[in-house]
Amino acid sequence: MSTRVASCCCGQLRLEVQGEPRGVGVCHCHACQRRTGSVYAALASFRTPYTMTGVATEYVRTGDQGASFRFRFCPVCGSTVFHTEEGDSRRVSVAVGAFADAGFSAPRVSVYDCRRHPWVQLPAGIVAFDKDPT
């Protein structure tokens, strides 16, 4: 089984996951735009367990469907590395950019497409949802 390591910009916070991603997607919701400072968040979901090293600052946000998400970011450089959903210990979502791997799998799903900036072009074949399909 392959091991992947994601880290913040300064390397203080690292996350190790095993295997292939369960899925890769992009989210255009306003919360993700503000959280990342970009026009969307690119995320990869992995099965647990995972190993975190370093110190993380946490921020909990409630989504549109009522679920709470715990975001972990580096208190030194501010990079968001991963998040989990409260009450769901089966998976962890990792910022694709934290892997710094240009060969990482392309997203297959786009959520909150209703908030996508009109100049953002999605990869061919991606499944787009107007909001969160869950």
C-alpha atoms as a PDB file:
ATOM      1  CA  MET A   1       0.000   0.000   0.000  1.00  0.00           C
ATOM      2  CA  SER A   2       1.364   3.399  -0.964  1.00  0.00           C
ATOM      3  CA  THR A   3       2.019   6.125   1.563  1.00  0.00           C
ATOM      4  CA  ARG A   4       1.403   9.789   0.781  1.00  0.00           C
ATOM      5  CA  VAL A   5       2.616  12.726   2.852  1.00  0.00           C
ATOM      6  CA  ALA A   6       0.985  16.139   2.832  1.00  0.00           C
ATOM      7  CA  SER A   7       2.565  19.101   4.577  1.00  0.00           C
ATOM      8  CA  CYS A   8       2.185  22.786   5.203  1.00  0.00           C
ATOM      9  CA  CYS A   9       4.430  25.323   3.493  1.00  0.00           C
ATOM     10  CA  CYS A  10       7.036  25.414   6.281  1.00  0.00           C
ATOM     11  CA  GLY A  11       6.946  21.632   6.911  1.00  0.00           C
ATOM     12  CA  GLN A  12       5.996  21.886  10.589  1.00  0.00           C
ATOM     13  CA  LEU A  13       2.596  20.160  10.113  1.00  0.00           C
ATOM     14  CA  ARG A  14       2.534  16.881   8.200  1.00  0.00           C
ATOM     15  CA  LEU A  15      -0.123  14.289   7.492  1.00  0.00           C
ATOM     16  CA  GLU A  16       0.537  10.737   6.323  1.00  0.00           C
ATOM     17  CA  VAL A  17      -2.217   8.750   4.604  1.00  0.00           C
ATOM     18  CA  GLN A  18      -2.272   5.279   3.078  1.00  0.00           C
ATOM     19  CA  GLY A  19      -3.541   4.061  -0.275  1.00  0.00           C
ATOM     20  CA  GLU A  20      -5.293   5.775  -3.127  1.00  0.00           C
ATOM     21  CA  PRO A  21      -7.784   8.593  -2.586  1.00  0.00           C
ATOM     22  CA  ARG A  22     -11.444   7.597  -2.220  1.00  0.00           C
ATOM     23  CA  GLY A  23     -12.231  10.616  -4.354  1.00  0.00           C
ATOM     24  CA  VAL A  24     -10.869  13.941  -5.525  1.00  0.00           C
ATOM     25  CA  GLY A  25     -13.027  17.014  -5.959  1.00  0.00           C
ATOM     26  CA  VAL A  26     -13.246  20.767  -5.957  1.00  0.00           C
ATOM     27  CA  CYS A  27     -15.578  22.943  -3.898  1.00  0.00           C
ATOM     28  CA  HIS A  28     -16.576  26.455  -4.953  1.00  0.00           C
ATOM     29  CA  CYS A  29     -18.584  27.385  -1.828  1.00  0.00           C
ATOM     30  CA  HIS A  30     -17.889  30.790  -0.313  1.00  0.00           C
ATOM     31  CA  ALA A  31     -16.497  29.232   2.882  1.00  0.00           C
ATOM     32  CA  CYS A  32     -13.877  27.267   0.902  1.00  0.00           C
ATOM     33  CA  GLN A  33     -13.034  30.345  -1.165  1.00  0.00           C
ATOM     34  CA  ARG A  34     -12.425  32.355   2.000  1.00  0.00           C
ATOM     35  CA  ARG A  35     -10.621  29.505   3.774  1.00  0.00           C
ATOM     36  CA  THR A  36      -8.166  28.917   0.936  1.00  0.00           C
ATOM     37  CA  GLY A  37      -7.869  32.477  -0.347  1.00  0.00           C
ATOM     38  CA  SER A  38      -8.509  31.021  -3.802  1.00  0.00           C
ATOM     39  CA  VAL A  39     -11.558  30.587  -6.033  1.00  0.00           C
ATOM     40  CA  TYR A  40     -12.056  26.946  -4.971  1.00  0.00           C
ATOM     41  CA  ALA A  41     -10.666  24.238  -2.721  1.00  0.00           C
ATOM     42  CA  ALA A  42      -9.198  21.060  -4.223  1.00  0.00           C
ATOM     43  CA  LEU A  43      -9.602  18.133  -1.812  1.00  0.00           C
ATOM     44  CA  ALA A  44      -8.777  14.435  -1.752  1.00  0.00           C
ATOM     45  CA  SER A  45     -10.594  12.059   0.582  1.00  0.00           C
ATOM     46  CA  PHE A  46      -8.720   9.140   2.175  1.00  0.00           C
ATOM     47  CA  ARG A  47      -9.746   6.328   4.465  1.00  0.00           C
ATOM     48  CA  THR A  48      -8.504   6.475   8.031  1.00  0.00           C
ATOM     49  CA  PRO A  49      -6.280   5.928   9.873  1.00  0.00           C
ATOM     50  CA  TYR A  50      -3.886   8.793   9.262  1.00  0.00           C
ATOM     51  CA  THR A  51      -0.846  10.065  11.144  1.00  0.00           C
ATOM     52  CA  MET A  52      -0.393  13.734  11.971  1.00  0.00           C
ATOM     53  CA  THR A  53       2.951  15.134  13.116  1.00  0.00           C
ATOM     54  CA  GLY A  54       3.533  18.666  14.308  1.00  0.00           C
ATOM     55  CA  VAL A  55       1.123  21.114  15.873  1.00  0.00           C
ATOM     56  CA  ALA A  56      -2.162  22.136  14.285  1.00  0.00           C
ATOM     57  CA  THR A  57      -4.507  24.989  14.973  1.00  0.00           C
ATOM     58  CA  GLU A  58      -8.138  23.987  14.506  1.00  0.00           C
ATOM     59  CA  TYR A  59     -11.208  25.766  13.238  1.00  0.00           C
ATOM     60  CA  VAL A  60     -14.689  24.181  13.299  1.00  0.00           C
ATOM     61  CA  ARG A  61     -17.271  25.292  10.741  1.00  0.00           C
ATOM     62  CA  THR A  62     -20.849  24.118  10.264  1.00  0.00           C
ATOM     63  CA  GLY A  63     -21.752  23.402   6.644  1.00  0.00           C
ATOM     64  CA  ASP A  64     -25.005  24.097   4.836  1.00  0.00           C
ATOM     65  CA  GLN A  65     -26.315  20.586   5.604  1.00  0.00           C
ATOM     66  CA  GLY A  66     -25.619  20.964   9.356  1.00  0.00           C
ATOM     67  CA  ALA A  67     -22.443  18.852   9.565  1.00  0.00           C
ATOM     68  CA  SER A  68     -19.468  20.271  11.463  1.00  0.00           C
ATOM     69  CA  PHE A  69     -16.011  20.166   9.901  1.00  0.00           C
ATOM     70  CA  ARG A  70     -12.760  20.504  11.850  1.00  0.00           C
ATOM     71  CA  PHE A  71     -10.065  22.179   9.732  1.00  0.00           C
ATOM     72  CA  ARG A  72      -6.409  21.821  10.741  1.00  0.00           C
ATOM     73  CA  PHE A  73      -3.829  24.348   9.668  1.00  0.00           C
ATOM     74  CA  CYS A  74      -0.282  25.254  10.597  1.00  0.00           C
ATOM     75  CA  PRO A  75       0.017  27.925  13.319  1.00  0.00           C
ATOM     76  CA  VAL A  76       3.421  28.943  11.906  1.00  0.00           C
ATOM     77  CA  CYS A  77       2.801  29.435   8.169  1.00  0.00           C
ATOM     78  CA  GLY A  78      -1.024  29.295   8.082  1.00  0.00           C
ATOM     79  CA  SER A  79      -1.340  26.557   5.455  1.00  0.00           C
ATOM     80  CA  THR A  80      -4.530  24.481   5.601  1.00  0.00           C
ATOM     81  CA  VAL A  81      -3.549  20.810   5.407  1.00  0.00           C
ATOM     82  CA  PHE A  82      -6.619  18.696   6.201  1.00  0.00           C
ATOM     83  CA  HIS A  83     -10.061  18.452   7.751  1.00  0.00           C
ATOM     84  CA  THR A  84     -12.422  15.874   9.192  1.00  0.00           C
ATOM     85  CA  GLU A  85     -16.167  15.741   9.678  1.00  0.00           C
ATOM     86  CA  GLU A  86     -17.297  15.617  13.291  1.00  0.00           C
ATOM     87  CA  GLY A  87     -18.789  12.199  14.094  1.00  0.00           C
ATOM     88  CA  ASP A  88     -17.316  10.507  10.992  1.00  0.00           C
ATOM     89  CA  SER A  89     -14.047   8.780  11.812  1.00  0.00           C
ATOM     90  CA  ARG A  90     -13.878   6.835   8.526  1.00  0.00           C
ATOM     91  CA  ARG A  91     -12.223   9.486   6.368  1.00  0.00           C
ATOM     92  CA  VAL A  92      -9.988  12.512   6.227  1.00  0.00           C
ATOM     93  CA  SER A  93     -10.008  15.204   3.531  1.00  0.00           C
ATOM     94  CA  VAL A  94      -6.624  16.583   2.505  1.00  0.00           C
ATOM     95  CA  ALA A  95      -5.824  19.738   0.552  1.00  0.00           C
ATOM     96  CA  VAL A  96      -4.478  18.463  -2.785  1.00  0.00           C
ATOM     97  CA  GLY A  97      -1.887  21.248  -2.881  1.00  0.00           C
ATOM     98  CA  ALA A  98      -0.406  20.006   0.423  1.00  0.00           C
ATOM     99  CA  PHE A  99       0.945  16.971  -1.472  1.00  0.00           C
ATOM    100  CA  ALA A 100       2.934  19.227  -3.860  1.00  0.00           C
ATOM    101  CA  ASP A 101       2.529  16.521  -6.517  1.00  0.00           C
ATOM    102  CA  ALA A 102       1.844  17.703 -10.085  1.00  0.00           C
ATOM    103  CA  GLY A 103       0.888  14.117 -10.990  1.00  0.00           C
ATOM    104  CA  PHE A 104      -1.908  13.928  -8.415  1.00  0.00           C
ATOM    105  CA  SER A 105      -5.259  12.652  -9.729  1.00  0.00           C
ATOM    106  CA  ALA A 106      -7.543  15.221 -11.344  1.00  0.00           C
ATOM    107  CA  PRO A 107     -10.849  16.035  -9.649  1.00  0.00           C
ATOM    108  CA  ARG A 108     -13.878  14.019 -10.696  1.00  0.00           C
ATOM    109  CA  VAL A 109     -16.504  16.033  -8.826  1.00  0.00           C
ATOM    110  CA  SER A 110     -17.255  19.738  -8.482  1.00  0.00           C
ATOM    111  CA  VAL A 111     -19.625  20.950  -5.764  1.00  0.00           C
ATOM    112  CA  TYR A 112     -21.281  24.338  -5.293  1.00  0.00           C
ATOM    113  CA  ASP A 113     -20.938  24.925  -9.006  1.00  0.00           C
ATOM    114  CA  CYS A 114     -23.531  27.696  -8.555  1.00  0.00           C
ATOM    115  CA  ARG A 115     -20.737  29.727  -6.904  1.00  0.00           C
ATOM    116  CA  ARG A 116     -17.990  28.854  -9.405  1.00  0.00           C
ATOM    117  CA  HIS A 117     -16.316  31.889 -10.933  1.00  0.00           C
ATOM    118  CA  PRO A 118     -17.367  31.996 -14.595  1.00  0.00           C
ATOM    119  CA  TRP A 119     -13.762  32.037 -15.840  1.00  0.00           C
ATOM    120  CA  VAL A 120     -12.862  28.779 -14.013  1.00  0.00           C
ATOM    121  CA  GLN A 121     -12.839  25.901 -16.501  1.00  0.00           C
ATOM    122  CA  LEU A 122     -13.453  22.394 -15.155  1.00  0.00           C
ATOM    123  CA  PRO A 123     -11.714  19.285 -16.536  1.00  0.00           C
ATOM    124  CA  ALA A 124     -13.623  17.347 -19.180  1.00  0.00           C
ATOM    125  CA  GLY A 125     -15.884  14.662 -17.755  1.00  0.00           C
ATOM    126  CA  ILE A 126     -16.129  16.124 -14.257  1.00  0.00           C
ATOM    127  CA  VAL A 127     -19.519  15.708 -12.558  1.00  0.00           C
ATOM    128  CA  ALA A 128     -20.763  19.119 -11.383  1.00  0.00           C
ATOM    129  CA  PHE A 129     -23.385  19.655  -8.681  1.00  0.00           C
ATOM    130  CA  ASP A 130     -25.123  23.000  -8.211  1.00  0.00           C
ATOM    131  CA  LYS A 131     -24.775  22.591  -4.418  1.00  0.00           C
ATOM    132  CA  ASP A 132     -23.632  19.796  -2.076  1.00  0.00           C
ATOM    133  CA  PRO A 133     -25.254  16.514  -3.212  1.00  0.00           C
ATOM    134  CA  THR A 134     -25.245  14.929   0.272  1.00  0.00           C
END
